[in-house]
Amino acid sequence: MSSNVNAKIAAALVEARRSGIPADDGIWSQTALSQVTQDDIYQIHDRVAAELGWTQDPAAPSHWKGGGPGPGSVAAFSLLPPPWVRPAPGPFRAQDFKRLAIEIEVAFRLARDVEAVDLASRSAHDPAAFLDAMAVSIELVDFRWANTDQAPAALRNADLQSNGALVVGDWVPMRSVDWSQQVATLEIDGAPAGRWQGSHAAGDPLWFAPQWLEHAVQRHGRLAEGSVLTTGSWCGMVWLPGRAEVKAVFEGIGEARLTLV
């Protein structure tokens, strides 16, 4: 896709972030959007980050969202803006988001710096060799496009995969987990809101971790110790009406709380 179209999509996202008014996703035809490559999307991410002051030092820990259909596919990654990543429970203001949903996830922390030389080693194919801790995370899902979750996939991907914010609970040491047996529960304002077992869409939430390492090193030169990857929802998207107290528990791993005021 031309750099001019990339620039226009990035400008629409920047304006939506600054004004709080969703951008019109209907001005791009399906034909035009079908030509958007994943590299175009990463260029849009970079443009938006530069414009909003989110550009990050590769030597500092960073937070990432990954997503994709599952093993055997190519995953997509979003480098999350530092102002919108906080230790649980946040808090965040509900009024800062257009239409709020949450996803409950497991996040993983990088044990050491990773550079290109590390990816040439056999251990690069075993992501657990690079990780030292895991934690429960809650992602706030939000939309800068007028048609929210019905906007074209390429535009939602360009919009940091519809990330609104992320809270991360306490870290616990890495250990082997039978993800098919992992149980997760959700409470909203103290009331049970769901229980799931082995419900990660890909089965193994770490399926795209090797791709994450390669992507980050290729685009940024290195991935710093302490960087975090959050790995996708166990509950789908759960919509919230506004202010809420949210609690996610993953048995044997821990919990995270989110406060929306």
C-alpha atoms as a PDB file:
ATOM      1  CA  MET A   1       0.000   0.000   0.000  1.00  0.00           C
ATOM      2  CA  SER A   2       1.189   3.539  -0.678  1.00  0.00           C
ATOM      3  CA  SER A   3       2.755   5.518   2.126  1.00  0.00           C
ATOM      4  CA  ASN A   4       0.088   8.158   1.483  1.00  0.00           C
ATOM      5  CA  VAL A   5      -2.704   5.765   2.479  1.00  0.00           C
ATOM      6  CA  ASN A   6      -0.708   4.619   5.512  1.00  0.00           C
ATOM      7  CA  ALA A   7      -0.312   8.249   6.534  1.00  0.00           C
ATOM      8  CA  LYS A   8      -4.061   8.917   6.175  1.00  0.00           C
ATOM      9  CA  ILE A   9      -5.037   5.914   8.312  1.00  0.00           C
ATOM     10  CA  ALA A  10      -2.470   6.936  10.933  1.00  0.00           C
ATOM     11  CA  ALA A  11      -3.742  10.531  10.891  1.00  0.00           C
ATOM     12  CA  ALA A  12      -7.324   9.347  11.403  1.00  0.00           C
ATOM     13  CA  LEU A  13      -6.266   7.271  14.414  1.00  0.00           C
ATOM     14  CA  VAL A  14      -4.260  10.137  15.910  1.00  0.00           C
ATOM     15  CA  GLU A  15      -7.188  12.526  15.542  1.00  0.00           C
ATOM     16  CA  ALA A  16      -9.578  10.003  17.095  1.00  0.00           C
ATOM     17  CA  ARG A  17      -7.230   9.564  20.058  1.00  0.00           C
ATOM     18  CA  ARG A  18      -6.875  13.315  20.563  1.00  0.00           C
ATOM     19  CA  SER A  19     -10.486  14.322  20.039  1.00  0.00           C
ATOM     20  CA  GLY A  20     -12.272  11.320  21.515  1.00  0.00           C
ATOM     21  CA  ILE A  21     -14.432  11.254  18.372  1.00  0.00           C
ATOM     22  CA  PRO A  22     -14.314   7.925  16.495  1.00  0.00           C
ATOM     23  CA  ALA A  23     -12.914   8.003  12.972  1.00  0.00           C
ATOM     24  CA  ASP A  24     -15.008   7.075   9.939  1.00  0.00           C
ATOM     25  CA  ASP A  25     -13.864   3.630   8.880  1.00  0.00           C
ATOM     26  CA  GLY A  26     -16.207   3.648   5.889  1.00  0.00           C
ATOM     27  CA  ILE A  27     -14.081   5.958   3.755  1.00  0.00           C
ATOM     28  CA  TRP A  28     -11.728   3.126   2.775  1.00  0.00           C
ATOM     29  CA  SER A  29     -13.069   0.573   0.306  1.00  0.00           C
ATOM     30  CA  GLN A  30     -12.650  -3.151   0.810  1.00  0.00           C
ATOM     31  CA  THR A  31     -10.484  -3.156  -2.316  1.00  0.00           C
ATOM     32  CA  ALA A  32      -8.118  -0.610  -0.816  1.00  0.00           C
ATOM     33  CA  LEU A  33      -7.988  -2.357   2.547  1.00  0.00           C
ATOM     34  CA  SER A  34      -7.307  -5.727   0.930  1.00  0.00           C
ATOM     35  CA  GLN A  35      -3.969  -4.292  -0.179  1.00  0.00           C
ATOM     36  CA  VAL A  36      -2.918  -3.389   3.371  1.00  0.00           C
ATOM     37  CA  THR A  37      -0.035  -5.648   4.376  1.00  0.00           C
ATOM     38  CA  GLN A  38       1.034  -6.488   7.905  1.00  0.00           C
ATOM     39  CA  ASP A  39       4.145  -4.380   7.348  1.00  0.00           C
ATOM     40  CA  ASP A  40       1.892  -1.440   6.402  1.00  0.00           C
ATOM     41  CA  ILE A  41       0.075  -1.918   9.694  1.00  0.00           C
ATOM     42  CA  TYR A  42       3.326  -1.846  11.655  1.00  0.00           C
ATOM     43  CA  GLN A  43       4.293   1.347   9.845  1.00  0.00           C
ATOM     44  CA  ILE A  44       0.951   2.841  10.907  1.00  0.00           C
ATOM     45  CA  HIS A  45       1.642   1.783  14.504  1.00  0.00           C
ATOM     46  CA  ASP A  46       5.007   3.566  14.324  1.00  0.00           C
ATOM     47  CA  ARG A  47       3.484   6.742  12.852  1.00  0.00           C
ATOM     48  CA  VAL A  48       0.798   6.943  15.531  1.00  0.00           C
ATOM     49  CA  ALA A  49       3.308   6.283  18.319  1.00  0.00           C
ATOM     50  CA  ALA A  50       5.655   8.982  17.041  1.00  0.00           C
ATOM     51  CA  GLU A  51       2.842  11.532  16.749  1.00  0.00           C
ATOM     52  CA  LEU A  52       1.477  10.826  20.237  1.00  0.00           C
ATOM     53  CA  GLY A  53       4.853  10.621  21.979  1.00  0.00           C
ATOM     54  CA  TRP A  54       4.736   6.874  22.569  1.00  0.00           C
ATOM     55  CA  THR A  55       8.029   5.963  20.860  1.00  0.00           C
ATOM     56  CA  GLN A  56       9.932   3.673  23.205  1.00  0.00           C
ATOM     57  CA  ASP A  57      13.603   3.035  23.898  1.00  0.00           C
ATOM     58  CA  PRO A  58      14.446  -0.546  22.820  1.00  0.00           C
ATOM     59  CA  ALA A  59      16.715  -0.780  25.871  1.00  0.00           C
ATOM     60  CA  ALA A  60      13.707  -0.345  28.178  1.00  0.00           C
ATOM     61  CA  PRO A  61      11.080  -3.020  28.963  1.00  0.00           C
ATOM     62  CA  SER A  62       8.005  -2.850  26.762  1.00  0.00           C
ATOM     63  CA  HIS A  63       4.504  -4.333  26.757  1.00  0.00           C
ATOM     64  CA  TRP A  64       3.027  -6.185  23.789  1.00  0.00           C
ATOM     65  CA  LYS A  65      -0.262  -7.644  22.659  1.00  0.00           C
ATOM     66  CA  GLY A  66      -0.249 -10.650  20.352  1.00  0.00           C
ATOM     67  CA  GLY A  67      -3.017 -12.243  18.371  1.00  0.00           C
ATOM     68  CA  GLY A  68      -3.813 -14.600  15.525  1.00  0.00           C
ATOM     69  CA  PRO A  69      -5.896 -17.613  14.508  1.00  0.00           C
ATOM     70  CA  GLY A  70      -3.601 -20.159  16.165  1.00  0.00           C
ATOM     71  CA  PRO A  71      -0.601 -22.434  15.628  1.00  0.00           C
ATOM     72  CA  GLY A  72       0.523 -22.624  12.024  1.00  0.00           C
ATOM     73  CA  SER A  73      -0.597 -19.057  11.277  1.00  0.00           C
ATOM     74  CA  VAL A  74       1.238 -15.748  11.305  1.00  0.00           C
ATOM     75  CA  ALA A  75       0.555 -13.735  14.435  1.00  0.00           C
ATOM     76  CA  ALA A  76       0.168  -9.964  14.662  1.00  0.00           C
ATOM     77  CA  PHE A  77       1.704  -7.845  17.415  1.00  0.00           C
ATOM     78  CA  SER A  78       1.026  -4.439  18.907  1.00  0.00           C
ATOM     79  CA  LEU A  79       3.513  -2.490  21.024  1.00  0.00           C
ATOM     80  CA  LEU A  80       1.279  -0.987  23.699  1.00  0.00           C
ATOM     81  CA  PRO A  81       1.466   2.704  24.684  1.00  0.00           C
ATOM     82  CA  PRO A  82       3.142   3.157  28.096  1.00  0.00           C
ATOM     83  CA  PRO A  83       0.467   5.572  29.441  1.00  0.00           C
ATOM     84  CA  TRP A  84      -2.163   2.861  29.012  1.00  0.00           C
ATOM     85  CA  VAL A  85      -0.315   0.019  30.766  1.00  0.00           C
ATOM     86  CA  ARG A  86      -0.453  -0.049  34.579  1.00  0.00           C
ATOM     87  CA  PRO A  87      -0.080  -2.460  37.474  1.00  0.00           C
ATOM     88  CA  ALA A  88      -3.417  -3.825  38.626  1.00  0.00           C
ATOM     89  CA  PRO A  89      -5.881  -2.379  39.510  1.00  0.00           C
ATOM     90  CA  GLY A  90      -5.072   0.700  37.418  1.00  0.00           C
ATOM     91  CA  PRO A  91      -7.248   2.635  37.908  1.00  0.00           C
ATOM     92  CA  PHE A  92      -8.635   4.077  34.656  1.00  0.00           C
ATOM     93  CA  ARG A  93     -11.485   6.496  34.009  1.00  0.00           C
ATOM     94  CA  ALA A  94     -14.423   4.904  32.210  1.00  0.00           C
ATOM     95  CA  GLN A  95     -15.092   8.203  30.423  1.00  0.00           C
ATOM     96  CA  ASP A  96     -11.756   7.909  28.591  1.00  0.00           C
ATOM     97  CA  PHE A  97     -13.055   4.973  26.561  1.00  0.00           C
ATOM     98  CA  LYS A  98     -15.701   4.876  23.850  1.00  0.00           C
ATOM     99  CA  ARG A  99     -17.179   1.406  24.295  1.00  0.00           C
ATOM    100  CA  LEU A 100     -15.675  -0.763  26.978  1.00  0.00           C
ATOM    101  CA  ALA A 101     -15.026  -4.462  26.876  1.00  0.00           C
ATOM    102  CA  ILE A 102     -12.577  -6.611  28.810  1.00  0.00           C
ATOM    103  CA  GLU A 103     -10.581  -9.746  28.131  1.00  0.00           C
ATOM    104  CA  ILE A 104      -8.881 -11.825  30.824  1.00  0.00           C
ATOM    105  CA  GLU A 105      -5.485 -13.194  29.876  1.00  0.00           C
ATOM    106  CA  VAL A 106      -2.137 -14.559  31.012  1.00  0.00           C
ATOM    107  CA  ALA A 107       0.934 -12.367  30.490  1.00  0.00           C
ATOM    108  CA  PHE A 108       4.543 -13.529  30.384  1.00  0.00           C
ATOM    109  CA  ARG A 109       7.750 -11.661  31.263  1.00  0.00           C
ATOM    110  CA  LEU A 110      11.072 -11.819  29.456  1.00  0.00           C
ATOM    111  CA  ALA A 111      13.953 -13.014  31.640  1.00  0.00           C
ATOM    112  CA  ARG A 112      16.798 -11.356  29.714  1.00  0.00           C
ATOM    113  CA  ASP A 113      17.618  -9.156  26.764  1.00  0.00           C
ATOM    114  CA  VAL A 114      17.084 -10.835  23.399  1.00  0.00           C
ATOM    115  CA  GLU A 115      18.984  -9.832  20.265  1.00  0.00           C
ATOM    116  CA  ALA A 116      19.478 -11.349  16.821  1.00  0.00           C
ATOM    117  CA  VAL A 117      22.290 -13.610  17.986  1.00  0.00           C
ATOM    118  CA  ASP A 118      19.943 -15.228  20.510  1.00  0.00           C
ATOM    119  CA  LEU A 119      17.382 -16.026  17.831  1.00  0.00           C
ATOM    120  CA  ALA A 120      19.973 -18.041  15.912  1.00  0.00           C
ATOM    121  CA  SER A 121      20.214 -20.483  18.801  1.00  0.00           C
ATOM    122  CA  ARG A 122      18.053 -23.553  19.222  1.00  0.00           C
ATOM    123  CA  SER A 123      16.553 -22.152  22.418  1.00  0.00           C
ATOM    124  CA  ALA A 124      14.730 -19.499  20.396  1.00  0.00           C
ATOM    125  CA  HIS A 125      12.257 -22.232  19.457  1.00  0.00           C
ATOM    126  CA  ASP A 126      11.496 -22.861  23.125  1.00  0.00           C
ATOM    127  CA  PRO A 127       9.956 -19.595  24.354  1.00  0.00           C
ATOM    128  CA  ALA A 128       9.894 -20.741  27.970  1.00  0.00           C
ATOM    129  CA  ALA A 129      13.709 -20.606  27.912  1.00  0.00           C
ATOM    130  CA  PHE A 130      13.438 -16.821  27.625  1.00  0.00           C
ATOM    131  CA  LEU A 131      10.703 -16.274  30.227  1.00  0.00           C
ATOM    132  CA  ASP A 132      10.957 -16.035  33.997  1.00  0.00           C
ATOM    133  CA  ALA A 133       7.458 -15.136  35.210  1.00  0.00           C
ATOM    134  CA  MET A 134       3.759 -15.050  34.419  1.00  0.00           C
ATOM    135  CA  ALA A 135       0.835 -12.998  35.693  1.00  0.00           C
ATOM    136  CA  VAL A 136      -2.874 -12.523  35.215  1.00  0.00           C
ATOM    137  CA  SER A 137      -3.705  -9.532  33.035  1.00  0.00           C
ATOM    138  CA  ILE A 138      -6.925  -7.745  32.102  1.00  0.00           C
ATOM    139  CA  GLU A 139      -7.103  -5.971  28.775  1.00  0.00           C
ATOM    140  CA  LEU A 140      -9.502  -3.127  28.199  1.00  0.00           C
ATOM    141  CA  VAL A 141     -10.706  -3.331  24.627  1.00  0.00           C
ATOM    142  CA  ASP A 142     -11.702  -0.049  22.990  1.00  0.00           C
ATOM    143  CA  PHE A 143     -12.219   1.261  19.484  1.00  0.00           C
ATOM    144  CA  ARG A 144     -11.136   4.385  17.626  1.00  0.00           C
ATOM    145  CA  TRP A 145     -13.335   3.503  14.633  1.00  0.00           C
ATOM    146  CA  ALA A 146     -17.011   4.454  14.389  1.00  0.00           C
ATOM    147  CA  ASN A 147     -18.147   0.887  13.716  1.00  0.00           C
ATOM    148  CA  THR A 148     -16.259  -0.413  16.785  1.00  0.00           C
ATOM    149  CA  ASP A 149     -15.811  -4.200  16.599  1.00  0.00           C
ATOM    150  CA  GLN A 150     -17.474  -4.261  13.171  1.00  0.00           C
ATOM    151  CA  ALA A 151     -14.827  -2.082  11.520  1.00  0.00           C
ATOM    152  CA  PRO A 152     -12.716  -3.870   8.880  1.00  0.00           C
ATOM    153  CA  ALA A 153     -10.102  -6.195  10.347  1.00  0.00           C
ATOM    154  CA  ALA A 154      -7.185  -4.313   8.786  1.00  0.00           C
ATOM    155  CA  LEU A 155      -8.270  -1.073  10.481  1.00  0.00           C
ATOM    156  CA  ARG A 156      -8.783  -2.757  13.843  1.00  0.00           C
ATOM    157  CA  ASN A 157      -5.336  -4.281  13.519  1.00  0.00           C
ATOM    158  CA  ALA A 158      -3.897  -0.857  12.671  1.00  0.00           C
ATOM    159  CA  ASP A 159      -5.600   0.430  15.829  1.00  0.00           C
ATOM    160  CA  LEU A 160      -3.342  -1.710  18.050  1.00  0.00           C
ATOM    161  CA  GLN A 161      -5.771  -4.610  17.671  1.00  0.00           C
ATOM    162  CA  SER A 162      -8.401  -2.496  19.469  1.00  0.00           C
ATOM    163  CA  ASN A 163      -6.345  -2.215  22.645  1.00  0.00           C
ATOM    164  CA  GLY A 164      -7.603   0.354  25.114  1.00  0.00           C
ATOM    165  CA  ALA A 165      -5.427  -0.358  28.142  1.00  0.00           C
ATOM    166  CA  LEU A 166      -3.829  -3.180  30.105  1.00  0.00           C
ATOM    167  CA  VAL A 167      -3.462  -3.970  33.795  1.00  0.00           C
ATOM    168  CA  VAL A 168      -1.075  -6.654  35.021  1.00  0.00           C
ATOM    169  CA  GLY A 169      -1.292  -8.527  38.327  1.00  0.00           C
ATOM    170  CA  ASP A 170       1.504  -9.852  40.526  1.00  0.00           C
ATOM    171  CA  TRP A 171       4.212 -11.956  38.919  1.00  0.00           C
ATOM    172  CA  VAL A 172       4.832 -15.587  39.868  1.00  0.00           C
ATOM    173  CA  PRO A 173       7.711 -17.785  38.653  1.00  0.00           C
ATOM    174  CA  MET A 174       7.292 -19.632  35.372  1.00  0.00           C
ATOM    175  CA  ARG A 175       6.242 -23.251  35.650  1.00  0.00           C
ATOM    176  CA  SER A 176       4.803 -25.921  33.405  1.00  0.00           C
ATOM    177  CA  VAL A 177       1.017 -25.573  33.003  1.00  0.00           C
ATOM    178  CA  ASP A 178      -1.509 -27.935  31.459  1.00  0.00           C
ATOM    179  CA  TRP A 179      -3.385 -25.197  29.649  1.00  0.00           C
ATOM    180  CA  SER A 180      -6.229 -27.556  28.738  1.00  0.00           C
ATOM    181  CA  GLN A 181      -7.022 -27.809  32.450  1.00  0.00           C
ATOM    182  CA  GLN A 182      -6.396 -24.169  33.383  1.00  0.00           C
ATOM    183  CA  VAL A 183      -9.422 -22.598  35.073  1.00  0.00           C
ATOM    184  CA  ALA A 184     -10.169 -18.873  34.942  1.00  0.00           C
ATOM    185  CA  THR A 185     -12.981 -16.985  36.656  1.00  0.00           C
ATOM    186  CA  LEU A 186     -14.313 -13.460  36.342  1.00  0.00           C
ATOM    187  CA  GLU A 187     -16.170 -11.239  38.789  1.00  0.00           C
ATOM    188  CA  ILE A 188     -17.718  -7.855  38.006  1.00  0.00           C
ATOM    189  CA  ASP A 189     -18.727  -5.658  40.943  1.00  0.00           C
ATOM    190  CA  GLY A 190     -18.411  -8.659  43.237  1.00  0.00           C
ATOM    191  CA  ALA A 191     -20.783 -10.883  41.262  1.00  0.00           C
ATOM    192  CA  PRO A 192     -19.664 -14.004  39.359  1.00  0.00           C
ATOM    193  CA  ALA A 193     -19.519 -13.283  35.622  1.00  0.00           C
ATOM    194  CA  GLY A 194     -18.109 -16.508  34.218  1.00  0.00           C
ATOM    195  CA  ARG A 195     -15.890 -19.549  34.625  1.00  0.00           C
ATOM    196  CA  TRP A 196     -13.788 -21.067  31.845  1.00  0.00           C
ATOM    197  CA  GLN A 197     -11.520 -24.116  31.609  1.00  0.00           C
ATOM    198  CA  GLY A 198      -8.956 -24.621  28.871  1.00  0.00           C
ATOM    199  CA  SER A 199     -10.705 -21.921  26.874  1.00  0.00           C
ATOM    200  CA  HIS A 200      -7.824 -20.124  25.205  1.00  0.00           C
ATOM    201  CA  ALA A 201      -8.703 -20.092  21.501  1.00  0.00           C
ATOM    202  CA  ALA A 202      -5.311 -21.486  20.460  1.00  0.00           C
ATOM    203  CA  GLY A 203      -4.983 -24.001  23.286  1.00  0.00           C
ATOM    204  CA  ASP A 204      -1.464 -22.882  24.207  1.00  0.00           C
ATOM    205  CA  PRO A 205      -1.270 -19.134  24.929  1.00  0.00           C
ATOM    206  CA  LEU A 206       2.460 -19.179  24.170  1.00  0.00           C
ATOM    207  CA  TRP A 207       2.060 -20.437  20.608  1.00  0.00           C
ATOM    208  CA  PHE A 208       3.170 -17.126  19.095  1.00  0.00           C
ATOM    209  CA  ALA A 209       5.962 -16.321  21.561  1.00  0.00           C
ATOM    210  CA  PRO A 210       8.748 -17.302  19.109  1.00  0.00           C
ATOM    211  CA  GLN A 211       7.189 -15.017  16.496  1.00  0.00           C
ATOM    212  CA  TRP A 212       7.047 -12.227  19.080  1.00  0.00           C
ATOM    213  CA  LEU A 213      10.767 -12.530  19.777  1.00  0.00           C
ATOM    214  CA  GLU A 214      11.597 -12.478  16.081  1.00  0.00           C
ATOM    215  CA  HIS A 215       9.249  -9.593  15.317  1.00  0.00           C
ATOM    216  CA  ALA A 216      10.488  -7.350  18.124  1.00  0.00           C
ATOM    217  CA  VAL A 217      14.159  -7.975  17.378  1.00  0.00           C
ATOM    218  CA  GLN A 218      13.698  -7.504  13.647  1.00  0.00           C
ATOM    219  CA  ARG A 219      11.875  -4.185  13.999  1.00  0.00           C
ATOM    220  CA  HIS A 220      13.564  -2.747  17.081  1.00  0.00           C
ATOM    221  CA  GLY A 221      16.973  -4.417  17.242  1.00  0.00           C
ATOM    222  CA  ARG A 222      16.428  -5.967  20.640  1.00  0.00           C
ATOM    223  CA  LEU A 223      13.809  -6.907  23.198  1.00  0.00           C
ATOM    224  CA  ALA A 224      14.709  -5.801  26.703  1.00  0.00           C
ATOM    225  CA  GLU A 225      14.671  -7.857  29.857  1.00  0.00           C
ATOM    226  CA  GLY A 226      11.369  -7.351  31.669  1.00  0.00           C
ATOM    227  CA  SER A 227       9.333  -6.927  28.484  1.00  0.00           C
ATOM    228  CA  VAL A 228       5.837  -8.394  28.683  1.00  0.00           C
ATOM    229  CA  LEU A 229       3.641 -10.299  26.242  1.00  0.00           C
ATOM    230  CA  THR A 230      -0.085 -10.663  26.923  1.00  0.00           C
ATOM    231  CA  THR A 231      -1.495 -13.610  25.077  1.00  0.00           C
ATOM    232  CA  GLY A 232      -5.202 -13.442  24.326  1.00  0.00           C
ATOM    233  CA  SER A 233      -8.568 -13.863  25.949  1.00  0.00           C
ATOM    234  CA  TRP A 234      -9.915 -16.839  27.860  1.00  0.00           C
ATOM    235  CA  CYS A 235     -13.430 -15.356  27.991  1.00  0.00           C
ATOM    236  CA  GLY A 236     -13.965 -13.723  24.614  1.00  0.00           C
ATOM    237  CA  MET A 237     -15.007 -10.092  25.041  1.00  0.00           C
ATOM    238  CA  VAL A 238     -17.164  -9.176  28.022  1.00  0.00           C
ATOM    239  CA  TRP A 239     -18.859  -5.795  27.677  1.00  0.00           C
ATOM    240  CA  LEU A 240     -19.028  -3.331  30.562  1.00  0.00           C
ATOM    241  CA  PRO A 241     -21.576  -0.544  31.005  1.00  0.00           C
ATOM    242  CA  GLY A 242     -19.039   1.886  32.480  1.00  0.00           C
ATOM    243  CA  ARG A 243     -17.654   2.165  35.997  1.00  0.00           C
ATOM    244  CA  ALA A 244     -16.868  -1.234  37.447  1.00  0.00           C
ATOM    245  CA  GLU A 245     -14.665  -3.319  39.719  1.00  0.00           C
ATOM    246  CA  VAL A 246     -13.335  -6.312  37.824  1.00  0.00           C
ATOM    247  CA  LYS A 247     -11.489  -9.332  39.220  1.00  0.00           C
ATOM    248  CA  ALA A 248      -9.917 -12.122  37.165  1.00  0.00           C
ATOM    249  CA  VAL A 249      -8.506 -15.248  38.815  1.00  0.00           C
ATOM    250  CA  PHE A 250      -6.458 -17.963  37.111  1.00  0.00           C
ATOM    251  CA  GLU A 251      -6.183 -20.910  39.482  1.00  0.00           C
ATOM    252  CA  GLY A 252      -2.566 -21.620  40.414  1.00  0.00           C
ATOM    253  CA  ILE A 253      -1.300 -18.429  38.750  1.00  0.00           C
ATOM    254  CA  GLY A 254      -2.959 -15.548  40.594  1.00  0.00           C
ATOM    255  CA  GLU A 255      -5.376 -12.720  40.067  1.00  0.00           C
ATOM    256  CA  ALA A 256      -5.661  -9.240  38.663  1.00  0.00           C
ATOM    257  CA  ARG A 257      -8.118  -6.486  39.519  1.00  0.00           C
ATOM    258  CA  LEU A 258      -9.222  -3.563  37.395  1.00  0.00           C
ATOM    259  CA  THR A 259     -10.883  -0.428  38.705  1.00  0.00           C
ATOM    260  CA  LEU A 260     -12.852   1.772  36.323  1.00  0.00           C
ATOM    261  CA  VAL A 261     -13.921   5.022  37.987  1.00  0.00           C
END
